[in-house]
C-alpha atoms as a PDB file:
ATOM      1  CA  UNK A   1      83.985  37.846  13.228  1.00  0.00           C
ATOM      2  CA  UNK A   2      82.234  37.048  16.370  1.00  0.00           C
ATOM      3  CA  UNK A   3      80.955  32.824  14.431  1.00  0.00           C
ATOM      4  CA  UNK A   4      78.331  31.820  17.476  1.00  0.00           C
ATOM      5  CA  UNK A   5      78.321  27.999  17.366  1.00  0.00           C
ATOM      6  CA  UNK A   6      74.686  27.202  17.031  1.00  0.00           C
ATOM      7  CA  UNK A   7      74.247  23.966  18.099  1.00  0.00           C
ATOM      8  CA  UNK A   8      75.184  25.480  21.846  1.00  0.00           C
ATOM      9  CA  UNK A   9      73.143  28.314  20.973  1.00  0.00           C
ATOM     10  CA  UNK A  10      73.542  30.129  23.678  1.00  0.00           C
ATOM     11  CA  UNK A  11      71.192  33.529  25.161  1.00  0.00           C
ATOM     12  CA  UNK A  12      72.510  37.211  23.202  1.00  0.00           C
ATOM     13  CA  UNK A  13      72.002  40.692  25.132  1.00  0.00           C
ATOM     14  CA  UNK A  14      71.482  43.006  23.540  1.00  0.00           C
ATOM     15  CA  UNK A  15      71.422  46.447  24.799  1.00  0.00           C
ATOM     16  CA  UNK A  16      69.681  49.747  24.112  1.00  0.00           C
ATOM     17  CA  UNK A  17      70.319  52.651  24.934  1.00  0.00           C
ATOM     18  CA  UNK A  18      67.727  55.524  23.593  1.00  0.00           C
ATOM     19  CA  UNK A  19      66.435  59.234  24.334  1.00  0.00           C
ATOM     20  CA  UNK A  20      64.010  61.260  22.795  1.00  0.00           C
ATOM     21  CA  UNK A  21      64.597  59.085  19.287  1.00  0.00           C
ATOM     22  CA  UNK A  22      61.194  57.406  18.785  1.00  0.00           C
ATOM     23  CA  UNK A  23      61.546  57.221  15.101  1.00  0.00           C
ATOM     24  CA  UNK A  24      63.492  55.430  14.683  1.00  0.00           C
ATOM     25  CA  UNK A  25      63.219  53.532  17.844  1.00  0.00           C
ATOM     26  CA  UNK A  26      60.853  51.000  16.378  1.00  0.00           C
ATOM     27  CA  UNK A  27      62.890  50.252  13.089  1.00  0.00           C
ATOM     28  CA  UNK A  28      65.346  49.557  16.119  1.00  0.00           C
ATOM     29  CA  UNK A  29      64.074  47.708  18.271  1.00  0.00           C
ATOM     30  CA  UNK A  30      62.157  45.708  14.983  1.00  0.00           C
ATOM     31  CA  UNK A  31      65.637  44.730  13.482  1.00  0.00           C
ATOM     32  CA  UNK A  32      66.775  42.914  17.088  1.00  0.00           C
ATOM     33  CA  UNK A  33      63.620  40.851  17.788  1.00  0.00           C
ATOM     34  CA  UNK A  34      63.964  39.654  13.302  1.00  0.00           C
ATOM     35  CA  UNK A  35      67.048  38.503  14.092  1.00  0.00           C
ATOM     36  CA  UNK A  36      68.107  35.054  12.476  1.00  0.00           C
ATOM     37  CA  UNK A  37      69.188  33.946  15.807  1.00  0.00           C
ATOM     38  CA  UNK A  38      66.615  33.484  17.983  1.00  0.00           C
ATOM     39  CA  UNK A  39      67.953  32.995  21.201  1.00  0.00           C
ATOM     40  CA  UNK A  40      68.370  36.709  22.163  1.00  0.00           C
ATOM     41  CA  UNK A  41      67.281  39.129  25.029  1.00  0.00           C
ATOM     42  CA  UNK A  42      66.501  42.800  24.125  1.00  0.00           C
ATOM     43  CA  UNK A  43      66.581  44.871  27.059  1.00  0.00           C
ATOM     44  CA  UNK A  44      65.386  49.130  26.565  1.00  0.00           C
ATOM     45  CA  UNK A  45      67.086  51.609  27.944  1.00  0.00           C
ATOM     46  CA  UNK A  46      64.968  54.891  28.451  1.00  0.00           C
ATOM     47  CA  UNK A  47      66.369  57.836  29.617  1.00  0.00           C
ATOM     48  CA  UNK A  48      63.557  60.592  29.787  1.00  0.00           C
ATOM     49  CA  UNK A  49      62.432  60.937  27.081  1.00  0.00           C
ATOM     50  CA  UNK A  50      59.920  63.739  26.504  1.00  0.00           C
ATOM     51  CA  UNK A  51      59.283  62.695  22.266  1.00  0.00           C
ATOM     52  CA  UNK A  52      55.978  59.504  22.980  1.00  0.00           C
ATOM     53  CA  UNK A  53      59.604  56.718  22.882  1.00  0.00           C
ATOM     54  CA  UNK A  54      58.584  55.619  26.509  1.00  0.00           C
ATOM     55  CA  UNK A  55      54.405  54.607  24.981  1.00  0.00           C
ATOM     56  CA  UNK A  56      56.557  53.000  22.205  1.00  0.00           C
ATOM     57  CA  UNK A  57      58.792  51.829  23.948  1.00  0.00           C
ATOM     58  CA  UNK A  58      55.379  50.191  26.523  1.00  0.00           C
ATOM     59  CA  UNK A  59      53.651  48.604  23.677  1.00  0.00           C
ATOM     60  CA  UNK A  60      55.714  45.935  22.613  1.00  0.00           C
ATOM     61  CA  UNK A  61      55.698  43.002  24.485  1.00  0.00           C
ATOM     62  CA  UNK A  62      58.623  41.021  24.032  1.00  0.00           C
ATOM     63  CA  UNK A  63      61.910  43.338  24.717  1.00  0.00           C
ATOM     64  CA  UNK A  64      62.837  44.096  28.494  1.00  0.00           C
ATOM     65  CA  UNK A  65      61.645  47.130  29.913  1.00  0.00           C
ATOM     66  CA  UNK A  66      63.864  50.373  32.405  1.00  0.00           C
ATOM     67  CA  UNK A  67      62.231  53.229  32.445  1.00  0.00           C
ATOM     68  CA  UNK A  68      65.226  56.164  34.467  1.00  0.00           C
ATOM     69  CA  UNK A  69      63.368  58.659  36.812  1.00  0.00           C
ATOM     70  CA  UNK A  70      66.264  61.137  36.937  1.00  0.00           C
ATOM     71  CA  UNK A  71      68.213  62.519  34.143  1.00  0.00           C
ATOM     72  CA  UNK A  72      71.995  63.680  35.000  1.00  0.00           C
ATOM     73  CA  UNK A  73      71.948  66.279  31.842  1.00  0.00           C
ATOM     74  CA  UNK A  74      75.683  64.733  31.278  1.00  0.00           C
ATOM     75  CA  UNK A  75      75.843  62.729  28.363  1.00  0.00           C
ATOM     76  CA  UNK A  76      78.001  60.678  28.754  1.00  0.00           C
ATOM     77  CA  UNK A  77      76.765  59.818  32.311  1.00  0.00           C
ATOM     78  CA  UNK A  78      73.443  58.947  31.005  1.00  0.00           C
ATOM     79  CA  UNK A  79      74.650  57.026  28.270  1.00  0.00           C
ATOM     80  CA  UNK A  80      77.213  55.262  31.096  1.00  0.00           C
ATOM     81  CA  UNK A  81      74.561  54.669  32.918  1.00  0.00           C
ATOM     82  CA  UNK A  82      72.560  52.900  31.076  1.00  0.00           C
ATOM     83  CA  UNK A  83      74.145  50.470  29.589  1.00  0.00           C
ATOM     84  CA  UNK A  84      75.684  49.769  33.266  1.00  0.00           C
ATOM     85  CA  UNK A  85      71.683  49.005  34.630  1.00  0.00           C
ATOM     86  CA  UNK A  86      71.081  46.875  30.866  1.00  0.00           C
ATOM     87  CA  UNK A  87      74.370  44.946  32.047  1.00  0.00           C
ATOM     88  CA  UNK A  88      73.199  43.989  35.621  1.00  0.00           C
ATOM     89  CA  UNK A  89      70.017  42.589  34.441  1.00  0.00           C
ATOM     90  CA  UNK A  90      71.022  40.606  31.174  1.00  0.00           C
ATOM     91  CA  UNK A  91      71.439  37.407  31.388  1.00  0.00           C
ATOM     92  CA  UNK A  92      73.648  36.782  27.929  1.00  0.00           C
ATOM     93  CA  UNK A  93      76.583  34.778  27.227  1.00  0.00           C
ATOM     94  CA  UNK A  94      77.271  37.196  24.935  1.00  0.00           C
ATOM     95  CA  UNK A  95      76.240  41.580  24.909  1.00  0.00           C
ATOM     96  CA  UNK A  96      76.261  43.884  21.834  1.00  0.00           C
ATOM     97  CA  UNK A  97      75.154  47.047  21.846  1.00  0.00           C
ATOM     98  CA  UNK A  98      73.664  49.325  19.025  1.00  0.00           C
ATOM     99  CA  UNK A  99      71.807  52.684  19.596  1.00  0.00           C
ATOM    100  CA  UNK A 100      68.295  53.798  19.080  1.00  0.00           C
ATOM    101  CA  UNK A 101      69.229  55.125  16.371  1.00  0.00           C
ATOM    102  CA  UNK A 102      70.943  52.252  14.051  1.00  0.00           C
ATOM    103  CA  UNK A 103      68.958  49.215  13.433  1.00  0.00           C
ATOM    104  CA  UNK A 104      70.824  45.306  12.920  1.00  0.00           C
ATOM    105  CA  UNK A 105      70.728  43.570   9.028  1.00  0.00           C
ATOM    106  CA  UNK A 106      68.773  39.841  10.897  1.00  0.00           C
ATOM    107  CA  UNK A 107      71.915  37.710  10.582  1.00  0.00           C
ATOM    108  CA  UNK A 108      74.337  40.192  12.332  1.00  0.00           C
ATOM    109  CA  UNK A 109      74.253  37.568  15.579  1.00  0.00           C
ATOM    110  CA  UNK A 110      74.416  34.987  13.888  1.00  0.00           C
END
């Protein structure tokens, strides 16, 4: 298990790739924002969702957002594209990946 030294307080990036997962996405993002370790950035990549996910993402102010304009329709390439784009704009010393249908416990980062 990765133990982060809270005295140095490094920035942690949490990357969430989403496609049509509105029902679980809010819980996923909320679990990141409610971490007991506070020096985080949350980046969400939406891959052309048609279920209202984009509207939900736009309403959440404390996250960075990326909206894909053109879907490739090859699932592993879509996921790879999402994580590469998020990785490029992330600033964290440590990076966590989270699927949009999953969530973190409040102590996951610490």
